[in-house]
C-alpha atoms as a PDB file:
ATOM      1  CA  UNK A   1      11.572 -19.115   3.118  1.00  0.00           C
ATOM      2  CA  UNK A   2       9.456 -21.067   1.413  1.00  0.00           C
ATOM      3  CA  UNK A   3       6.429 -20.275   3.729  1.00  0.00           C
ATOM      4  CA  UNK A   4       3.390 -19.030   2.511  1.00  0.00           C
ATOM      5  CA  UNK A   5      -0.119 -17.392   4.116  1.00  0.00           C
ATOM      6  CA  UNK A   6      -3.407 -19.083   4.060  1.00  0.00           C
ATOM      7  CA  UNK A   7      -6.464 -17.529   2.952  1.00  0.00           C
ATOM      8  CA  UNK A   8     -10.224 -18.852   2.635  1.00  0.00           C
ATOM      9  CA  UNK A   9     -12.672 -17.108   0.890  1.00  0.00           C
ATOM     10  CA  UNK A  10     -15.935 -15.789   1.947  1.00  0.00           C
ATOM     11  CA  UNK A  11     -18.504 -13.672   0.060  1.00  0.00           C
ATOM     12  CA  UNK A  12     -15.779 -12.990  -2.670  1.00  0.00           C
ATOM     13  CA  UNK A  13     -13.023 -11.723  -0.106  1.00  0.00           C
ATOM     14  CA  UNK A  14     -10.166 -13.633   0.964  1.00  0.00           C
ATOM     15  CA  UNK A  15      -9.661 -13.910   4.772  1.00  0.00           C
ATOM     16  CA  UNK A  16      -6.443 -14.914   6.328  1.00  0.00           C
ATOM     17  CA  UNK A  17      -6.708 -18.132   8.147  1.00  0.00           C
ATOM     18  CA  UNK A  18      -2.763 -18.643   9.014  1.00  0.00           C
ATOM     19  CA  UNK A  19       0.453 -17.365   8.346  1.00  0.00           C
ATOM     20  CA  UNK A  20       3.568 -18.809   7.631  1.00  0.00           C
ATOM     21  CA  UNK A  21       2.201 -21.701   6.320  1.00  0.00           C
ATOM     22  CA  UNK A  22       4.837 -24.988   5.582  1.00  0.00           C
ATOM     23  CA  UNK A  23       2.832 -27.850   5.124  1.00  0.00           C
ATOM     24  CA  UNK A  24      -0.663 -28.700   3.443  1.00  0.00           C
ATOM     25  CA  UNK A  25      -2.407 -31.785   3.113  1.00  0.00           C
ATOM     26  CA  UNK A  26      -5.791 -32.746   1.647  1.00  0.00           C
ATOM     27  CA  UNK A  27      -7.581 -35.943   3.421  1.00  0.00           C
ATOM     28  CA  UNK A  28     -10.039 -36.650   1.415  1.00  0.00           C
ATOM     29  CA  UNK A  29     -11.894 -33.057   1.014  1.00  0.00           C
ATOM     30  CA  UNK A  30     -10.368 -31.838   4.385  1.00  0.00           C
ATOM     31  CA  UNK A  31      -7.565 -29.843   3.908  1.00  0.00           C
ATOM     32  CA  UNK A  32      -4.757 -29.623   6.991  1.00  0.00           C
ATOM     33  CA  UNK A  33      -2.474 -26.505   7.567  1.00  0.00           C
ATOM     34  CA  UNK A  34       0.617 -26.009   9.600  1.00  0.00           C
ATOM     35  CA  UNK A  35       2.978 -23.624   9.995  1.00  0.00           C
ATOM     36  CA  UNK A  36       6.841 -23.118  11.071  1.00  0.00           C
ATOM     37  CA  UNK A  37       5.364 -22.498  15.429  1.00  0.00           C
ATOM     38  CA  UNK A  38       3.067 -25.994  15.444  1.00  0.00           C
ATOM     39  CA  UNK A  39      -0.167 -24.097  14.862  1.00  0.00           C
ATOM     40  CA  UNK A  40      -2.808 -25.971  13.062  1.00  0.00           C
ATOM     41  CA  UNK A  41      -5.996 -25.481  11.001  1.00  0.00           C
ATOM     42  CA  UNK A  42      -8.473 -27.557   9.471  1.00  0.00           C
ATOM     43  CA  UNK A  43     -11.242 -26.860   6.972  1.00  0.00           C
ATOM     44  CA  UNK A  44     -13.570 -29.057   4.502  1.00  0.00           C
ATOM     45  CA  UNK A  45     -13.050 -27.641   1.354  1.00  0.00           C
ATOM     46  CA  UNK A  46     -10.546 -27.095  -1.414  1.00  0.00           C
ATOM     47  CA  UNK A  47      -7.486 -25.689  -2.720  1.00  0.00           C
ATOM     48  CA  UNK A  48      -8.565 -22.298  -5.121  1.00  0.00           C
ATOM     49  CA  UNK A  49      -5.345 -21.018  -5.992  1.00  0.00           C
ATOM     50  CA  UNK A  50      -1.812 -21.814  -4.716  1.00  0.00           C
ATOM     51  CA  UNK A  51       1.030 -19.297  -5.732  1.00  0.00           C
ATOM     52  CA  UNK A  52       4.833 -20.162  -4.793  1.00  0.00           C
ATOM     53  CA  UNK A  53       6.125 -16.841  -6.132  1.00  0.00           C
ATOM     54  CA  UNK A  54       3.745 -14.776  -3.701  1.00  0.00           C
ATOM     55  CA  UNK A  55       3.413 -16.969  -0.873  1.00  0.00           C
ATOM     56  CA  UNK A  56       0.125 -17.072  -0.974  1.00  0.00           C
ATOM     57  CA  UNK A  57      -3.040 -20.366  -0.851  1.00  0.00           C
ATOM     58  CA  UNK A  58      -6.623 -19.785  -0.992  1.00  0.00           C
ATOM     59  CA  UNK A  59      -8.717 -22.118  -0.316  1.00  0.00           C
ATOM     60  CA  UNK A  60     -12.645 -22.635  -0.904  1.00  0.00           C
ATOM     61  CA  UNK A  61     -14.530 -23.820   2.262  1.00  0.00           C
ATOM     62  CA  UNK A  62     -17.146 -26.748   1.683  1.00  0.00           C
ATOM     63  CA  UNK A  63     -20.421 -25.275   3.256  1.00  0.00           C
ATOM     64  CA  UNK A  64     -22.451 -28.382   2.794  1.00  0.00           C
END
């Protein structure tokens, strides 16, 4: 399986926001995530790390 778990960095800690992510798209600073079940999450921010070996995505939320 190639899905990943997505986390958002808050106060220096990683908080899980979506599991089994199979699609990530950046549309002008809005990150859109979709998992294999069709669940969607959106947030303003950027990708901090994307590690395929660990199946892990870490995002930084834009707080402006």
